[in-house]
Amino acid sequence: MIKNELSELMSAKGCSQSQIARAIGKSPAVINQYLQDKYQGNIAALEEDLRQFLNRETEKSRSQKLCACFVPTVTARRALEVIRMAHLDGEINVIYGDAGMGKTMIMRQYAAENRDAVLIEADPGYTARVVLEELCSKLGLNRRGNIHELSDSCVNALRDSGRLLLIDEAENLPYRALEMIRRIHDKAGIGVVLAGMPRLIINLKGKRGEYKQLYSRVAFALPLGDVLPRNDINDIAVSVLPDAAEPAVSDELFNASRGNARRLFKLLRGVHRHSLISGETVSTEAVRKMSEMLIN
């Protein structure tokens, strides 16, 4: 019976009526009324929606969805060392590389392991004021006031604290925001790490090298490039899917992923799902089939 299955799912997974309602495009009141045998609408149509929802949840459980997690590869350890140097020395360091090189995961890992690190993940719409408001929020400060007042509040809270400010996707920040971060670094004496795409370096220098006051503050800039080493790809693949240790599969994954961690994880997820559905072991053929469907 649909109602019993729904109740069991809610109990087993801790799903709320609101979550179920959102999943099928209904209001929480509809789910509540249905569970209490008070729903006056089209019960057959509602139960069909619930049946599809339950089927999806069952399939998700069977698929054992893979989750990306931090792997201490050689590249990751180098990046963490650069971050640590900025933290201990109170310097501005930069980590840059193509998409899918693991920058975000590295920054999150450091923040997770160091409670005195403050992580901000910038969006394309981040202005100097938005960055300050975000930093104030992270520091538990009042977000009201003009830019000067917000900046002073951040500096006063961070001065001589030995803390670290991490800015991910920093290539999205305009010059004024980058300059504001530089001034907080100068006045508060904290370490700063900016991570982003290669254009971050251009943004820091200026197209004609006109931002010397900003770029001259950078102590170390670590380039991650656009391809991870073979050993890194192998370590990541095996951590997610042990069958990837088989030499032929390992070779195929490296070639199909093109040394990109994000592309690799998509491949692993697809290969894993194919293996579960087909009942076959992970194979080079499965990797090739999945790679053909990835956007180049």
Protein backbone atom coordinates (compact mmCIF):
# COMPACT_ATOMS: atom_id res chain seq x y z
CA MET A 1 0.00 0.00 0.00
CA ILE A 2 1.38 3.39 -1.00
CA LYS A 3 0.57 5.00 2.32
CA ASN A 4 2.44 2.36 4.30
CA GLU A 5 5.46 2.51 2.00
CA LEU A 6 5.52 6.29 2.31
CA SER A 7 5.36 6.13 6.10
CA GLU A 8 8.15 3.56 6.19
CA LEU A 9 10.34 5.74 3.97
CA MET A 10 9.72 8.79 6.15
CA SER A 11 10.67 6.79 9.23
CA ALA A 12 13.74 5.14 7.68
CA LYS A 13 15.23 8.21 6.00
CA GLY A 14 13.83 10.95 8.20
CA CYS A 15 12.02 12.57 5.28
CA SER A 16 9.59 15.31 6.23
CA GLN A 17 6.18 15.88 4.68
CA SER A 18 7.54 19.13 3.22
CA GLN A 19 10.41 17.31 1.46
CA ILE A 20 8.04 14.78 -0.07
CA ALA A 21 5.65 17.53 -1.12
CA ARG A 22 8.45 19.40 -2.91
CA ALA A 23 9.55 16.21 -4.65
CA ILE A 24 6.12 15.68 -6.26
CA GLY A 25 5.13 19.32 -6.72
CA LYS A 26 2.41 19.37 -4.06
CA SER A 27 1.86 21.31 -0.86
CA PRO A 28 2.74 19.84 2.57
CA ALA A 29 -0.96 20.08 3.45
CA VAL A 30 -1.79 17.58 0.68
CA ILE A 31 0.66 15.02 2.08
CA ASN A 32 -0.59 15.61 5.59
CA GLN A 33 -4.22 15.15 4.56
CA TYR A 34 -3.38 12.03 2.57
CA LEU A 35 -1.59 10.39 5.47
CA GLN A 36 -4.59 11.12 7.72
CA ASP A 37 -7.14 9.85 5.16
CA LYS A 38 -8.57 13.35 4.81
CA TYR A 39 -7.49 14.18 1.27
CA GLN A 40 -10.48 15.14 -0.88
CA GLY A 41 -8.67 15.47 -4.21
CA ASN A 42 -7.81 12.94 -6.90
CA ILE A 43 -6.32 10.16 -4.77
CA ALA A 44 -5.44 7.95 -7.74
CA ALA A 45 -3.39 10.74 -9.37
CA LEU A 46 -1.70 11.60 -6.08
CA GLU A 47 -0.78 7.99 -5.43
CA GLU A 48 0.69 7.71 -8.92
CA ASP A 49 2.92 10.69 -8.14
CA LEU A 50 3.87 9.10 -4.82
CA ARG A 51 4.53 5.74 -6.48
CA GLN A 52 6.98 7.36 -8.92
CA PHE A 53 8.65 9.16 -6.02
CA LEU A 54 8.99 5.92 -4.05
CA ASN A 55 10.41 4.14 -7.10
CA ARG A 56 13.01 6.87 -7.53
CA GLU A 57 14.03 6.63 -3.89
CA THR A 58 14.30 2.84 -4.12
CA GLU A 59 16.48 3.11 -7.23
CA LYS A 60 18.69 5.69 -5.53
CA SER A 61 19.20 3.37 -2.58
CA ARG A 62 20.11 0.47 -4.85
CA SER A 63 22.50 2.54 -6.94
CA GLN A 64 24.63 3.37 -3.88
CA LYS A 65 25.47 6.79 -5.26
CA LEU A 66 29.16 7.56 -5.19
CA CYS A 67 30.26 10.62 -3.26
CA ALA A 68 33.37 12.61 -4.05
CA CYS A 69 35.70 12.99 -1.11
CA PHE A 70 39.11 14.54 -0.55
CA VAL A 71 42.07 12.36 -1.55
CA PRO A 72 45.56 13.44 -0.41
CA THR A 73 47.19 13.17 -3.81
CA VAL A 74 50.61 14.63 -4.57
CA THR A 75 48.98 17.70 -6.12
CA ALA A 76 46.63 18.14 -3.17
CA ARG A 77 49.50 17.91 -0.68
CA ARG A 78 51.48 20.55 -2.58
CA ALA A 79 48.49 22.87 -2.54
CA LEU A 80 47.86 22.28 1.16
CA GLU A 81 51.50 23.13 1.85
CA VAL A 82 51.13 26.45 0.03
CA ILE A 83 47.99 27.18 2.04
CA ARG A 84 49.76 26.29 5.28
CA MET A 85 52.64 28.60 4.43
CA ALA A 86 50.24 31.51 3.97
CA HIS A 87 48.57 30.65 7.27
CA LEU A 88 51.79 30.47 9.28
CA ASP A 89 53.63 33.34 7.58
CA GLY A 90 50.68 35.73 7.19
CA GLU A 91 51.32 35.99 3.44
CA ILE A 92 49.11 36.14 0.36
CA ASN A 93 49.48 32.97 -1.71
CA VAL A 94 47.70 31.97 -4.90
CA ILE A 95 46.64 28.58 -6.29
CA TYR A 96 45.46 28.52 -9.88
CA GLY A 97 44.62 25.95 -12.49
CA ASP A 98 42.00 24.75 -14.93
CA ALA A 99 38.53 23.60 -13.87
CA GLY A 100 38.46 20.11 -12.38
CA MET A 101 41.90 20.22 -10.78
CA GLY A 102 40.49 19.89 -7.25
CA LYS A 103 40.99 23.48 -6.03
CA THR A 104 37.63 23.74 -4.27
CA MET A 105 37.99 20.40 -2.52
CA ILE A 106 41.48 21.32 -1.32
CA MET A 107 40.29 24.66 0.07
CA ARG A 108 37.33 23.01 1.81
CA GLN A 109 39.57 20.34 3.27
CA TYR A 110 41.92 22.89 4.80
CA ALA A 111 39.01 24.88 6.23
CA ALA A 112 37.51 21.68 7.67
CA GLU A 113 40.79 20.79 9.38
CA ASN A 114 41.54 24.31 10.63
CA ARG A 115 38.78 26.09 12.52
CA ASP A 116 40.72 29.37 12.42
CA ALA A 117 40.50 29.44 8.61
CA VAL A 118 37.63 31.38 7.03
CA LEU A 119 36.46 30.13 3.63
CA ILE A 120 34.52 32.27 1.16
CA GLU A 121 33.39 30.75 -2.14
CA ALA A 122 32.96 33.67 -4.53
CA ASP A 123 30.26 33.92 -7.17
CA PRO A 124 30.35 36.00 -10.37
CA GLY A 125 28.15 38.63 -8.68
CA TYR A 126 30.50 39.22 -5.76
CA THR A 127 31.44 42.88 -5.35
CA ALA A 128 33.74 44.35 -2.73
CA ARG A 129 30.75 45.00 -0.50
CA VAL A 130 29.39 41.46 -0.90
CA VAL A 131 32.77 40.01 0.07
CA LEU A 132 32.87 42.22 3.16
CA GLU A 133 29.33 41.27 4.13
CA GLU A 134 30.17 37.59 3.68
CA LEU A 135 33.32 37.96 5.77
CA CYS A 136 31.40 39.81 8.49
CA SER A 137 28.85 37.02 8.53
CA LYS A 138 31.58 34.37 8.87
CA LEU A 139 33.17 36.35 11.72
CA GLY A 140 29.85 36.93 13.50
CA LEU A 141 29.97 40.70 12.92
CA ASN A 142 27.24 43.19 12.05
CA ARG A 143 26.76 43.33 8.27
CA ARG A 144 25.32 46.84 8.32
CA GLY A 145 27.28 49.96 7.49
CA ASN A 146 29.24 51.39 4.59
CA ILE A 147 32.23 49.66 3.03
CA HIS A 148 34.69 51.59 5.20
CA GLU A 149 32.85 50.59 8.39
CA LEU A 150 32.58 46.95 7.35
CA SER A 151 36.26 46.84 6.41
CA ASP A 152 37.28 48.34 9.77
CA SER A 153 35.13 45.81 11.61
CA CYS A 154 36.83 42.93 9.78
CA VAL A 155 40.30 44.34 10.36
CA ASN A 156 39.65 44.86 14.08
CA ALA A 157 38.32 41.31 14.43
CA LEU A 158 41.22 39.77 12.51
CA ARG A 159 44.18 41.90 13.63
CA ASP A 160 46.94 39.78 15.21
CA SER A 161 44.59 36.78 15.24
CA GLY A 162 46.83 34.50 13.19
CA ARG A 163 43.78 33.46 11.19
CA LEU A 164 43.60 32.65 7.49
CA LEU A 165 41.22 33.92 4.81
CA LEU A 166 40.54 31.50 1.95
CA ILE A 167 38.84 32.80 -1.19
CA ASP A 168 37.79 30.15 -3.70
CA GLU A 169 36.88 31.00 -7.31
CA ALA A 170 38.66 34.30 -6.74
CA GLU A 171 38.83 34.91 -10.50
CA ASN A 172 35.21 36.09 -10.15
CA LEU A 173 36.24 39.04 -7.99
CA PRO A 174 36.60 42.51 -9.52
CA TYR A 175 39.73 44.56 -8.88
CA ARG A 176 38.10 46.60 -6.12
CA ALA A 177 37.26 43.43 -4.18
CA LEU A 178 40.78 42.06 -4.62
CA GLU A 179 42.26 45.37 -3.49
CA MET A 180 39.99 45.39 -0.45
CA ILE A 181 41.20 41.90 0.49
CA ARG A 182 44.77 43.09 0.08
CA ARG A 183 44.14 46.00 2.47
CA ILE A 184 42.60 43.69 5.08
CA HIS A 185 45.70 41.49 4.76
CA ASP A 186 48.00 44.50 5.20
CA LYS A 187 46.14 45.99 8.16
CA ALA A 188 45.20 42.79 10.01
CA GLY A 189 48.37 40.85 9.25
CA ILE A 190 46.50 37.66 8.38
CA GLY A 191 47.30 35.11 5.71
CA VAL A 192 45.22 35.00 2.53
CA VAL A 193 44.92 32.31 -0.13
CA LEU A 194 43.24 33.06 -3.44
CA ALA A 195 42.31 30.08 -5.60
CA GLY A 196 40.86 30.18 -9.08
CA MET A 197 41.16 29.72 -12.81
CA PRO A 198 44.31 30.90 -14.63
CA ARG A 199 42.75 34.27 -15.40
CA LEU A 200 43.08 35.04 -11.68
CA ILE A 201 46.75 35.83 -12.30
CA ILE A 202 45.81 38.32 -15.02
CA ASN A 203 43.23 39.90 -12.72
CA LEU A 204 45.87 40.31 -10.01
CA LYS A 205 48.50 41.80 -12.34
CA GLY A 206 46.23 43.82 -14.60
CA LYS A 207 46.19 43.49 -18.37
CA ARG A 208 49.11 45.92 -18.64
CA GLY A 209 50.75 45.06 -15.34
CA GLU A 210 49.21 48.13 -13.71
CA TYR A 211 48.25 46.43 -10.42
CA LYS A 212 51.79 46.14 -9.01
CA GLN A 213 50.70 47.22 -5.54
CA LEU A 214 48.32 44.26 -5.48
CA TYR A 215 50.35 41.53 -7.18
CA SER A 216 53.58 42.45 -5.40
CA ARG A 217 51.96 41.25 -2.16
CA VAL A 218 51.73 37.67 -3.48
CA ALA A 219 54.44 35.50 -1.94
CA PHE A 220 53.89 32.22 -3.81
CA ALA A 221 51.68 31.27 -6.74
CA LEU A 222 51.19 27.54 -7.33
CA PRO A 223 50.13 26.53 -10.87
CA LEU A 224 48.13 23.29 -10.98
CA GLY A 225 47.98 23.31 -14.78
CA ASP A 226 45.23 21.60 -16.73
CA VAL A 227 46.14 17.90 -16.31
CA LEU A 228 46.64 15.98 -13.07
CA PRO A 229 49.52 13.46 -12.89
CA ARG A 230 48.75 9.82 -13.63
CA ASN A 231 49.32 8.79 -10.01
CA ASP A 232 46.83 11.41 -8.79
CA ILE A 233 44.15 10.12 -11.15
CA ASN A 234 44.84 6.54 -10.05
CA ASP A 235 44.64 7.44 -6.35
CA ILE A 236 41.35 9.28 -6.81
CA ALA A 237 39.84 6.50 -8.94
CA VAL A 238 40.74 3.72 -6.52
CA SER A 239 39.47 5.71 -3.52
CA VAL A 240 36.06 5.93 -5.19
CA LEU A 241 35.95 2.60 -7.02
CA PRO A 242 38.38 -0.15 -5.85
CA ASP A 243 37.93 -2.03 -9.15
CA ALA A 244 39.75 0.87 -10.84
CA ALA A 245 43.02 -0.58 -9.53
CA GLU A 246 42.94 -3.17 -12.35
CA PRO A 247 45.69 -1.99 -14.78
CA ALA A 248 43.60 -2.03 -17.98
CA VAL A 249 40.72 -0.16 -16.31
CA SER A 250 43.18 2.30 -14.76
CA ASP A 251 44.71 3.03 -18.18
CA GLU A 252 41.30 3.56 -19.76
CA LEU A 253 40.14 5.86 -16.95
CA PHE A 254 43.24 8.03 -17.21
CA ASN A 255 42.91 8.37 -20.98
CA ALA A 256 39.16 9.00 -20.87
CA SER A 257 39.38 11.50 -18.00
CA ARG A 258 42.19 13.42 -19.72
CA GLY A 259 43.77 13.98 -16.33
CA ASN A 260 40.77 15.94 -15.05
CA ALA A 261 39.39 15.02 -11.61
CA ARG A 262 35.88 16.30 -12.31
CA ARG A 263 35.64 14.39 -15.57
CA LEU A 264 37.06 11.34 -13.82
CA PHE A 265 34.38 11.38 -11.13
CA LYS A 266 31.62 11.62 -13.73
CA LEU A 267 33.11 8.59 -15.45
CA LEU A 268 33.37 6.64 -12.21
CA ARG A 269 29.78 7.42 -11.30
CA GLY A 270 28.56 6.26 -14.71
CA VAL A 271 30.69 3.12 -14.73
CA HIS A 272 29.58 2.25 -11.20
CA ARG A 273 25.93 2.62 -12.10
CA HIS A 274 26.40 0.55 -15.27
CA SER A 275 28.02 -2.19 -13.21
CA LEU A 276 25.14 -2.28 -10.72
CA ILE A 277 22.47 -2.40 -13.40
CA SER A 278 24.19 -4.95 -15.62
CA GLY A 279 25.62 -7.07 -12.83
CA GLU A 280 28.96 -7.03 -14.64
CA THR A 281 32.33 -6.12 -13.20
CA VAL A 282 33.88 -2.77 -14.09
CA SER A 283 35.52 -3.04 -17.51
CA THR A 284 37.40 -0.96 -20.04
CA GLU A 285 34.43 -1.27 -22.39
CA ALA A 286 32.14 0.27 -19.79
CA VAL A 287 34.58 3.16 -19.34
CA ARG A 288 34.68 3.76 -23.10
CA LYS A 289 30.89 3.74 -23.35
CA MET A 290 30.56 6.28 -20.53
CA SER A 291 33.30 8.50 -21.92
CA GLU A 292 31.50 8.74 -25.27
CA MET A 293 28.58 10.40 -23.50
CA LEU A 294 30.64 13.03 -21.70
CA ILE A 295 30.73 16.54 -23.12
CA ASN A 296 34.18 17.29 -24.51
